[in-house]
């Protein structure tokens, strides 16, 4: 009766000893195993970065000339303008010659002309606004010096005997710009050898006709600002677009003369 019990106890003791030895060997192996074999969880490749949505990139797909570099308004230059809600700007850089653009019209690929102020225009493209100023607009014409009087050294007639007054309307001046080509603006005009803008053929120049100028007249100053060459024509148009009272000094038949203009609405 006691023989089987002794064998069973011995069997259990051996089993426990084997289990203890197995656990001890396992601990020794874990301690002796190289650290580089430690298990770790890694991705096969780096996860892609989160892409940020760029609305401008989408807008370019639907813009005129998509895929091309954006046009910069800095490539344009303002030759002259008539300010106001129905203003017109003469702009260089759009075509071979300057063109006239009305407020509300598209300025080629540079956006829309949304405003014509006294010394600059405002273009808008894709919600971004840019301003283009008149070349000589650093000092507003309203702050210009008073009309210059004749210098004592220059042989000029007495101003009081050589003054004229002319009444104009804003519509007359705006109508001159409707042609849309600067070639029509400067037609019949030139640069005087003595300085100034000379009227060579008044019958070909709408502005000269409206201002009642004659062949041979040399425009010297507008509101005291010098007109030295034909390029200064923009100052003349700018002055008439901004001011209601103007004083134009000219040389007519070797005599100095001042013409006063009143621009009515």
C-alpha atoms as a PDB file:
ATOM      1  CA  UNK A   1       0.000   0.000   0.000  1.00  0.00           C
ATOM      2  CA  UNK A   2       2.877   2.426   0.759  1.00  0.00           C
ATOM      3  CA  UNK A   3       4.974   1.608  -2.290  1.00  0.00           C
ATOM      4  CA  UNK A   4       2.939   3.561  -4.869  1.00  0.00           C
ATOM      5  CA  UNK A   5       2.724   6.649  -2.651  1.00  0.00           C
ATOM      6  CA  UNK A   6       6.513   6.854  -2.329  1.00  0.00           C
ATOM      7  CA  UNK A   7       6.913   6.636  -6.087  1.00  0.00           C
ATOM      8  CA  UNK A   8       4.313   9.341  -6.636  1.00  0.00           C
ATOM      9  CA  UNK A   9       6.013  11.707  -4.219  1.00  0.00           C
ATOM     10  CA  UNK A  10       9.338  11.085  -5.861  1.00  0.00           C
ATOM     11  CA  UNK A  11       7.824  11.751  -9.307  1.00  0.00           C
ATOM     12  CA  UNK A  12       6.327  15.053  -8.182  1.00  0.00           C
ATOM     13  CA  UNK A  13       9.607  16.103  -6.594  1.00  0.00           C
ATOM     14  CA  UNK A  14      11.490  15.359  -9.811  1.00  0.00           C
ATOM     15  CA  UNK A  15       8.937  17.277 -11.853  1.00  0.00           C
ATOM     16  CA  UNK A  16       9.231  20.309  -9.626  1.00  0.00           C
ATOM     17  CA  UNK A  17      13.024  20.140  -9.772  1.00  0.00           C
ATOM     18  CA  UNK A  18      12.939  19.978 -13.581  1.00  0.00           C
ATOM     19  CA  UNK A  19      10.570  22.950 -13.707  1.00  0.00           C
ATOM     20  CA  UNK A  20      12.805  24.949 -11.397  1.00  0.00           C
ATOM     21  CA  UNK A  21      15.896  24.115 -13.479  1.00  0.00           C
ATOM     22  CA  UNK A  22      14.043  25.125 -16.697  1.00  0.00           C
ATOM     23  CA  UNK A  23      13.026  28.484 -15.197  1.00  0.00           C
ATOM     24  CA  UNK A  24      16.551  29.097 -13.885  1.00  0.00           C
ATOM     25  CA  UNK A  25      18.108  28.320 -17.276  1.00  0.00           C
ATOM     26  CA  UNK A  26      15.573  30.637 -18.924  1.00  0.00           C
ATOM     27  CA  UNK A  27      16.526  33.516 -16.636  1.00  0.00           C
ATOM     28  CA  UNK A  28      20.225  32.914 -17.262  1.00  0.00           C
ATOM     29  CA  UNK A  29      19.579  32.935 -21.044  1.00  0.00           C
ATOM     30  CA  UNK A  30      17.643  36.188 -20.865  1.00  0.00           C
ATOM     31  CA  UNK A  31      20.512  37.799 -18.961  1.00  0.00           C
ATOM     32  CA  UNK A  32      23.204  36.486 -21.341  1.00  0.00           C
ATOM     33  CA  UNK A  33      21.268  37.203 -24.617  1.00  0.00           C
ATOM     34  CA  UNK A  34      22.702  40.190 -26.695  1.00  0.00           C
ATOM     35  CA  UNK A  35      20.731  43.441 -26.200  1.00  0.00           C
ATOM     36  CA  UNK A  36      20.486  44.028 -29.963  1.00  0.00           C
ATOM     37  CA  UNK A  37      18.106  41.088 -30.225  1.00  0.00           C
ATOM     38  CA  UNK A  38      15.578  42.744 -27.997  1.00  0.00           C
ATOM     39  CA  UNK A  39      12.265  42.739 -29.808  1.00  0.00           C
ATOM     40  CA  UNK A  40      10.969  46.110 -31.044  1.00  0.00           C
ATOM     41  CA  UNK A  41       8.087  47.290 -33.226  1.00  0.00           C
ATOM     42  CA  UNK A  42       9.119  49.328 -36.278  1.00  0.00           C
ATOM     43  CA  UNK A  43       7.397  50.511 -39.472  1.00  0.00           C
ATOM     44  CA  UNK A  44       8.748  49.202 -42.738  1.00  0.00           C
ATOM     45  CA  UNK A  45       8.928  52.827 -44.101  1.00  0.00           C
ATOM     46  CA  UNK A  46       8.497  56.303 -42.660  1.00  0.00           C
ATOM     47  CA  UNK A  47       4.905  57.429 -42.581  1.00  0.00           C
ATOM     48  CA  UNK A  48       4.131  60.226 -45.116  1.00  0.00           C
ATOM     49  CA  UNK A  49       3.750  63.740 -43.740  1.00  0.00           C
ATOM     50  CA  UNK A  50       0.288  65.213 -43.518  1.00  0.00           C
ATOM     51  CA  UNK A  51      -0.421  67.425 -46.551  1.00  0.00           C
ATOM     52  CA  UNK A  52      -1.767  70.912 -45.849  1.00  0.00           C
ATOM     53  CA  UNK A  53      -4.532  72.136 -48.162  1.00  0.00           C
ATOM     54  CA  UNK A  54      -3.463  75.172 -50.192  1.00  0.00           C
ATOM     55  CA  UNK A  55      -6.463  77.060 -51.626  1.00  0.00           C
ATOM     56  CA  UNK A  56      -4.182  79.240 -53.764  1.00  0.00           C
ATOM     57  CA  UNK A  57      -2.919  76.188 -55.617  1.00  0.00           C
ATOM     58  CA  UNK A  58      -6.487  75.228 -56.481  1.00  0.00           C
ATOM     59  CA  UNK A  59      -7.323  78.754 -57.592  1.00  0.00           C
ATOM     60  CA  UNK A  60      -4.370  78.742 -59.997  1.00  0.00           C
ATOM     61  CA  UNK A  61      -5.843  75.729 -61.787  1.00  0.00           C
ATOM     62  CA  UNK A  62      -8.853  77.787 -62.781  1.00  0.00           C
ATOM     63  CA  UNK A  63      -7.017  81.076 -63.410  1.00  0.00           C
ATOM     64  CA  UNK A  64      -6.179  82.329 -66.872  1.00  0.00           C
ATOM     65  CA  UNK A  65      -2.863  80.874 -67.980  1.00  0.00           C
ATOM     66  CA  UNK A  66      -2.745  78.178 -65.292  1.00  0.00           C
ATOM     67  CA  UNK A  67       0.649  76.628 -64.839  1.00  0.00           C
ATOM     68  CA  UNK A  68       2.461  79.845 -65.789  1.00  0.00           C
ATOM     69  CA  UNK A  69       4.173  82.247 -63.376  1.00  0.00           C
ATOM     70  CA  UNK A  70       1.815  84.838 -61.903  1.00  0.00           C
ATOM     71  CA  UNK A  71       1.893  88.246 -63.578  1.00  0.00           C
ATOM     72  CA  UNK A  72       3.205  91.107 -61.489  1.00  0.00           C
ATOM     73  CA  UNK A  73       1.503  94.495 -61.621  1.00  0.00           C
ATOM     74  CA  UNK A  74       4.957  96.024 -61.144  1.00  0.00           C
ATOM     75  CA  UNK A  75       5.517  95.371 -64.854  1.00  0.00           C
ATOM     76  CA  UNK A  76       2.916  98.026 -65.608  1.00  0.00           C
ATOM     77  CA  UNK A  77       3.361 101.777 -65.469  1.00  0.00           C
ATOM     78  CA  UNK A  78       0.744 104.481 -65.296  1.00  0.00           C
ATOM     79  CA  UNK A  79       1.075 107.167 -67.930  1.00  0.00           C
ATOM     80  CA  UNK A  80      -1.924 109.301 -66.913  1.00  0.00           C
ATOM     81  CA  UNK A  81      -5.461 108.975 -65.587  1.00  0.00           C
ATOM     82  CA  UNK A  82      -8.814 110.631 -65.109  1.00  0.00           C
ATOM     83  CA  UNK A  83      -9.937 109.897 -61.555  1.00  0.00           C
ATOM     84  CA  UNK A  84     -13.430 109.127 -60.347  1.00  0.00           C
ATOM     85  CA  UNK A  85     -16.010 106.337 -60.399  1.00  0.00           C
ATOM     86  CA  UNK A  86     -15.971 106.473 -64.213  1.00  0.00           C
ATOM     87  CA  UNK A  87     -12.237 107.114 -64.400  1.00  0.00           C
ATOM     88  CA  UNK A  88      -9.910 106.052 -67.174  1.00  0.00           C
ATOM     89  CA  UNK A  89      -6.241 105.092 -66.863  1.00  0.00           C
ATOM     90  CA  UNK A  90      -3.587 105.126 -69.566  1.00  0.00           C
ATOM     91  CA  UNK A  91      -1.317 102.150 -68.861  1.00  0.00           C
ATOM     92  CA  UNK A  92       2.020 101.103 -70.360  1.00  0.00           C
ATOM     93  CA  UNK A  93       3.090  97.462 -70.431  1.00  0.00           C
ATOM     94  CA  UNK A  94      -0.084  95.806 -71.708  1.00  0.00           C
ATOM     95  CA  UNK A  95       0.580  96.138 -75.424  1.00  0.00           C
ATOM     96  CA  UNK A  96       3.158  97.626 -77.760  1.00  0.00           C
ATOM     97  CA  UNK A  97       1.669 101.069 -77.083  1.00  0.00           C
ATOM     98  CA  UNK A  98      -0.142 102.419 -74.045  1.00  0.00           C
ATOM     99  CA  UNK A  99      -3.858 101.706 -73.816  1.00  0.00           C
ATOM    100  CA  UNK A 100      -6.769 103.295 -71.994  1.00  0.00           C
ATOM    101  CA  UNK A 101      -8.692 101.179 -69.474  1.00  0.00           C
ATOM    102  CA  UNK A 102     -11.920 102.205 -67.770  1.00  0.00           C
ATOM    103  CA  UNK A 103     -12.757 101.473 -64.131  1.00  0.00           C
ATOM    104  CA  UNK A 104     -14.367  98.043 -64.028  1.00  0.00           C
ATOM    105  CA  UNK A 105     -12.538  96.697 -67.090  1.00  0.00           C
ATOM    106  CA  UNK A 106     -10.015  93.868 -67.118  1.00  0.00           C
ATOM    107  CA  UNK A 107      -6.356  94.900 -67.352  1.00  0.00           C
ATOM    108  CA  UNK A 108      -5.129  91.949 -69.401  1.00  0.00           C
ATOM    109  CA  UNK A 109      -3.794  89.195 -67.128  1.00  0.00           C
ATOM    110  CA  UNK A 110      -3.102  91.647 -64.272  1.00  0.00           C
ATOM    111  CA  UNK A 111      -6.605  91.725 -62.818  1.00  0.00           C
ATOM    112  CA  UNK A 112      -9.414  94.247 -62.841  1.00  0.00           C
ATOM    113  CA  UNK A 113      -9.192  98.016 -62.561  1.00  0.00           C
ATOM    114  CA  UNK A 114     -11.412  98.712 -59.534  1.00  0.00           C
ATOM    115  CA  UNK A 115     -10.498 102.321 -58.682  1.00  0.00           C
ATOM    116  CA  UNK A 116      -8.890 105.417 -60.179  1.00  0.00           C
ATOM    117  CA  UNK A 117      -7.718 107.828 -57.492  1.00  0.00           C
ATOM    118  CA  UNK A 118      -6.131 111.252 -57.964  1.00  0.00           C
ATOM    119  CA  UNK A 119      -2.582 109.863 -58.146  1.00  0.00           C
ATOM    120  CA  UNK A 120      -2.914 106.071 -58.535  1.00  0.00           C
ATOM    121  CA  UNK A 121      -5.057 103.189 -59.688  1.00  0.00           C
ATOM    122  CA  UNK A 122      -5.994  99.967 -57.881  1.00  0.00           C
ATOM    123  CA  UNK A 123      -5.903  96.543 -59.543  1.00  0.00           C
ATOM    124  CA  UNK A 124      -7.493  93.458 -58.001  1.00  0.00           C
ATOM    125  CA  UNK A 125      -6.642  89.847 -58.864  1.00  0.00           C
ATOM    126  CA  UNK A 126      -7.761  86.774 -56.904  1.00  0.00           C
ATOM    127  CA  UNK A 127      -8.671  88.973 -53.929  1.00  0.00           C
ATOM    128  CA  UNK A 128      -5.272  90.714 -53.859  1.00  0.00           C
ATOM    129  CA  UNK A 129      -5.095  94.450 -54.519  1.00  0.00           C
ATOM    130  CA  UNK A 130      -2.104  96.335 -55.935  1.00  0.00           C
ATOM    131  CA  UNK A 131      -1.612 100.039 -56.533  1.00  0.00           C
ATOM    132  CA  UNK A 132       0.145 101.728 -59.439  1.00  0.00           C
ATOM    133  CA  UNK A 133       1.079 105.387 -58.985  1.00  0.00           C
ATOM    134  CA  UNK A 134       1.654 108.130 -61.481  1.00  0.00           C
ATOM    135  CA  UNK A 135       5.402 108.605 -62.065  1.00  0.00           C
ATOM    136  CA  UNK A 136       5.331 112.201 -60.809  1.00  0.00           C
ATOM    137  CA  UNK A 137       2.757 111.670 -58.057  1.00  0.00           C
ATOM    138  CA  UNK A 138       5.101 111.909 -55.075  1.00  0.00           C
ATOM    139  CA  UNK A 139       3.644 115.346 -54.377  1.00  0.00           C
ATOM    140  CA  UNK A 140      -0.103 115.782 -55.000  1.00  0.00           C
ATOM    141  CA  UNK A 141      -0.958 118.494 -57.435  1.00  0.00           C
ATOM    142  CA  UNK A 142      -3.122 120.132 -54.791  1.00  0.00           C
ATOM    143  CA  UNK A 143       0.122 120.864 -52.939  1.00  0.00           C
ATOM    144  CA  UNK A 144       1.931 122.152 -55.987  1.00  0.00           C
ATOM    145  CA  UNK A 145       3.447 125.568 -55.964  1.00  0.00           C
ATOM    146  CA  UNK A 146       1.456 128.481 -57.245  1.00  0.00           C
ATOM    147  CA  UNK A 147       1.797 129.245 -60.961  1.00  0.00           C
ATOM    148  CA  UNK A 148       5.255 130.572 -61.627  1.00  0.00           C
ATOM    149  CA  UNK A 149       5.651 134.192 -62.588  1.00  0.00           C
ATOM    150  CA  UNK A 150       8.070 135.312 -65.256  1.00  0.00           C
ATOM    151  CA  UNK A 151      11.700 135.643 -64.212  1.00  0.00           C
ATOM    152  CA  UNK A 152      13.181 139.084 -64.573  1.00  0.00           C
ATOM    153  CA  UNK A 153      15.961 137.735 -66.785  1.00  0.00           C
ATOM    154  CA  UNK A 154      13.590 136.201 -69.335  1.00  0.00           C
ATOM    155  CA  UNK A 155      12.120 138.431 -72.052  1.00  0.00           C
ATOM    156  CA  UNK A 156       8.405 137.962 -71.419  1.00  0.00           C
ATOM    157  CA  UNK A 157       5.358 140.089 -71.823  1.00  0.00           C
ATOM    158  CA  UNK A 158       3.368 141.441 -68.894  1.00  0.00           C
ATOM    159  CA  UNK A 159       1.120 138.591 -67.681  1.00  0.00           C
ATOM    160  CA  UNK A 160      -1.849 140.853 -67.085  1.00  0.00           C
ATOM    161  CA  UNK A 161      -1.970 141.620 -70.802  1.00  0.00           C
ATOM    162  CA  UNK A 162      -1.570 138.002 -71.862  1.00  0.00           C
ATOM    163  CA  UNK A 163      -4.129 136.070 -69.868  1.00  0.00           C
ATOM    164  CA  UNK A 164      -7.074 134.061 -71.118  1.00  0.00           C
ATOM    165  CA  UNK A 165      -9.853 132.104 -69.412  1.00  0.00           C
ATOM    166  CA  UNK A 166     -11.405 128.909 -70.744  1.00  0.00           C
ATOM    167  CA  UNK A 167     -14.302 126.888 -69.325  1.00  0.00           C
ATOM    168  CA  UNK A 168     -14.291 123.101 -69.788  1.00  0.00           C
ATOM    169  CA  UNK A 169     -16.374 120.141 -68.670  1.00  0.00           C
ATOM    170  CA  UNK A 170     -15.144 116.895 -67.217  1.00  0.00           C
ATOM    171  CA  UNK A 171     -16.930 115.081 -70.016  1.00  0.00           C
ATOM    172  CA  UNK A 172     -14.805 116.816 -72.650  1.00  0.00           C
ATOM    173  CA  UNK A 173     -11.603 115.603 -71.012  1.00  0.00           C
ATOM    174  CA  UNK A 174     -12.919 112.081 -70.514  1.00  0.00           C
ATOM    175  CA  UNK A 175     -13.965 111.906 -74.133  1.00  0.00           C
ATOM    176  CA  UNK A 176     -10.373 112.454 -75.255  1.00  0.00           C
ATOM    177  CA  UNK A 177      -9.344 109.237 -73.505  1.00  0.00           C
ATOM    178  CA  UNK A 178     -11.997 107.063 -75.100  1.00  0.00           C
ATOM    179  CA  UNK A 179      -9.770 106.298 -78.090  1.00  0.00           C
ATOM    180  CA  UNK A 180      -7.664 103.990 -75.945  1.00  0.00           C
ATOM    181  CA  UNK A 181      -4.356 104.513 -77.749  1.00  0.00           C
ATOM    182  CA  UNK A 182      -1.629 106.825 -76.540  1.00  0.00           C
ATOM    183  CA  UNK A 183      -0.536 107.434 -80.129  1.00  0.00           C
ATOM    184  CA  UNK A 184      -3.666 109.565 -80.510  1.00  0.00           C
ATOM    185  CA  UNK A 185      -2.732 111.498 -77.364  1.00  0.00           C
ATOM    186  CA  UNK A 186       0.660 112.649 -78.570  1.00  0.00           C
ATOM    187  CA  UNK A 187      -0.271 113.095 -82.214  1.00  0.00           C
ATOM    188  CA  UNK A 188       0.510 116.615 -83.372  1.00  0.00           C
ATOM    189  CA  UNK A 189       2.751 117.317 -80.364  1.00  0.00           C
ATOM    190  CA  UNK A 190       6.521 117.237 -79.884  1.00  0.00           C
ATOM    191  CA  UNK A 191       9.384 118.347 -77.656  1.00  0.00           C
ATOM    192  CA  UNK A 192      10.579 121.902 -78.141  1.00  0.00           C
ATOM    193  CA  UNK A 193      14.311 122.492 -78.650  1.00  0.00           C
ATOM    194  CA  UNK A 194      14.130 125.182 -75.951  1.00  0.00           C
ATOM    195  CA  UNK A 195      12.234 122.928 -73.546  1.00  0.00           C
ATOM    196  CA  UNK A 196       8.529 122.302 -73.275  1.00  0.00           C
ATOM    197  CA  UNK A 197       5.776 120.558 -75.243  1.00  0.00           C
ATOM    198  CA  UNK A 198       5.254 122.176 -78.621  1.00  0.00           C
ATOM    199  CA  UNK A 199       1.977 122.053 -80.546  1.00  0.00           C
ATOM    200  CA  UNK A 200       3.021 121.132 -84.073  1.00  0.00           C
ATOM    201  CA  UNK A 201      -0.380 120.391 -85.602  1.00  0.00           C
ATOM    202  CA  UNK A 202      -3.310 121.386 -83.413  1.00  0.00           C
ATOM    203  CA  UNK A 203      -5.874 120.005 -85.879  1.00  0.00           C
ATOM    204  CA  UNK A 204      -4.533 116.478 -85.180  1.00  0.00           C
ATOM    205  CA  UNK A 205      -4.500 116.808 -81.399  1.00  0.00           C
ATOM    206  CA  UNK A 206      -7.827 116.577 -79.552  1.00  0.00           C
ATOM    207  CA  UNK A 207      -6.412 117.899 -76.310  1.00  0.00           C
ATOM    208  CA  UNK A 208      -4.933 120.948 -78.030  1.00  0.00           C
ATOM    209  CA  UNK A 209      -8.308 121.705 -79.576  1.00  0.00           C
ATOM    210  CA  UNK A 210     -10.140 121.386 -76.248  1.00  0.00           C
ATOM    211  CA  UNK A 211      -7.547 123.597 -74.526  1.00  0.00           C
ATOM    212  CA  UNK A 212      -7.790 126.112 -77.405  1.00  0.00           C
ATOM    213  CA  UNK A 213      -4.112 125.876 -78.284  1.00  0.00           C
ATOM    214  CA  UNK A 214      -2.600 126.882 -81.620  1.00  0.00           C
ATOM    215  CA  UNK A 215       0.187 125.673 -83.871  1.00  0.00           C
ATOM    216  CA  UNK A 216       3.530 126.769 -82.491  1.00  0.00           C
ATOM    217  CA  UNK A 217       2.364 127.130 -78.872  1.00  0.00           C
ATOM    218  CA  UNK A 218       4.919 125.772 -76.384  1.00  0.00           C
ATOM    219  CA  UNK A 219       3.525 124.440 -73.094  1.00  0.00           C
ATOM    220  CA  UNK A 220       5.874 125.415 -70.256  1.00  0.00           C
ATOM    221  CA  UNK A 221       4.151 124.701 -66.920  1.00  0.00           C
ATOM    222  CA  UNK A 222       0.878 123.400 -65.554  1.00  0.00           C
ATOM    223  CA  UNK A 223      -0.011 124.674 -62.084  1.00  0.00           C
ATOM    224  CA  UNK A 224       3.639 125.584 -61.661  1.00  0.00           C
ATOM    225  CA  UNK A 225       4.984 122.151 -62.584  1.00  0.00           C
ATOM    226  CA  UNK A 226       7.477 122.189 -65.490  1.00  0.00           C
ATOM    227  CA  UNK A 227       6.617 120.544 -68.792  1.00  0.00           C
ATOM    228  CA  UNK A 228      10.066 119.922 -70.247  1.00  0.00           C
ATOM    229  CA  UNK A 229       9.403 117.206 -72.838  1.00  0.00           C
ATOM    230  CA  UNK A 230       6.657 115.220 -74.525  1.00  0.00           C
ATOM    231  CA  UNK A 231       6.803 112.519 -71.833  1.00  0.00           C
ATOM    232  CA  UNK A 232       5.551 115.152 -69.366  1.00  0.00           C
ATOM    233  CA  UNK A 233       2.206 115.006 -71.153  1.00  0.00           C
ATOM    234  CA  UNK A 234       1.079 112.682 -68.343  1.00  0.00           C
ATOM    235  CA  UNK A 235       1.453 115.614 -65.898  1.00  0.00           C
ATOM    236  CA  UNK A 236      -0.857 117.661 -68.062  1.00  0.00           C
ATOM    237  CA  UNK A 237      -3.532 114.968 -68.206  1.00  0.00           C
ATOM    238  CA  UNK A 238      -3.089 114.242 -64.510  1.00  0.00           C
ATOM    239  CA  UNK A 239      -3.600 117.886 -63.609  1.00  0.00           C
ATOM    240  CA  UNK A 240      -6.796 118.190 -65.636  1.00  0.00           C
ATOM    241  CA  UNK A 241      -8.136 114.950 -64.133  1.00  0.00           C
ATOM    242  CA  UNK A 242      -7.550 116.126 -60.550  1.00  0.00           C
ATOM    243  CA  UNK A 243      -8.097 119.846 -60.457  1.00  0.00           C
ATOM    244  CA  UNK A 244     -10.996 122.160 -61.204  1.00  0.00           C
ATOM    245  CA  UNK A 245      -8.900 125.320 -61.452  1.00  0.00           C
ATOM    246  CA  UNK A 246      -5.760 125.159 -63.575  1.00  0.00           C
ATOM    247  CA  UNK A 247      -3.167 127.560 -64.859  1.00  0.00           C
ATOM    248  CA  UNK A 248      -1.235 126.684 -68.015  1.00  0.00           C
ATOM    249  CA  UNK A 249       1.758 128.811 -68.937  1.00  0.00           C
ATOM    250  CA  UNK A 250       2.622 128.772 -72.640  1.00  0.00           C
ATOM    251  CA  UNK A 251       4.890 130.587 -75.021  1.00  0.00           C
ATOM    252  CA  UNK A 252       3.004 131.951 -78.032  1.00  0.00           C
ATOM    253  CA  UNK A 253       4.795 133.873 -80.742  1.00  0.00           C
ATOM    254  CA  UNK A 254       7.812 134.478 -78.476  1.00  0.00           C
ATOM    255  CA  UNK A 255       5.585 135.883 -75.740  1.00  0.00           C
ATOM    256  CA  UNK A 256       4.672 134.288 -72.425  1.00  0.00           C
ATOM    257  CA  UNK A 257       0.966 133.784 -71.836  1.00  0.00           C
ATOM    258  CA  UNK A 258      -1.079 132.214 -69.060  1.00  0.00           C
ATOM    259  CA  UNK A 259      -4.348 130.449 -69.766  1.00  0.00           C
ATOM    260  CA  UNK A 260      -6.672 129.792 -66.825  1.00  0.00           C
ATOM    261  CA  UNK A 261      -9.039 126.822 -67.075  1.00  0.00           C
ATOM    262  CA  UNK A 262     -12.137 126.035 -65.051  1.00  0.00           C
ATOM    263  CA  UNK A 263     -13.247 122.401 -65.238  1.00  0.00           C
ATOM    264  CA  UNK A 264     -16.947 121.969 -64.508  1.00  0.00           C
ATOM    265  CA  UNK A 265     -18.631 118.616 -63.677  1.00  0.00           C
END
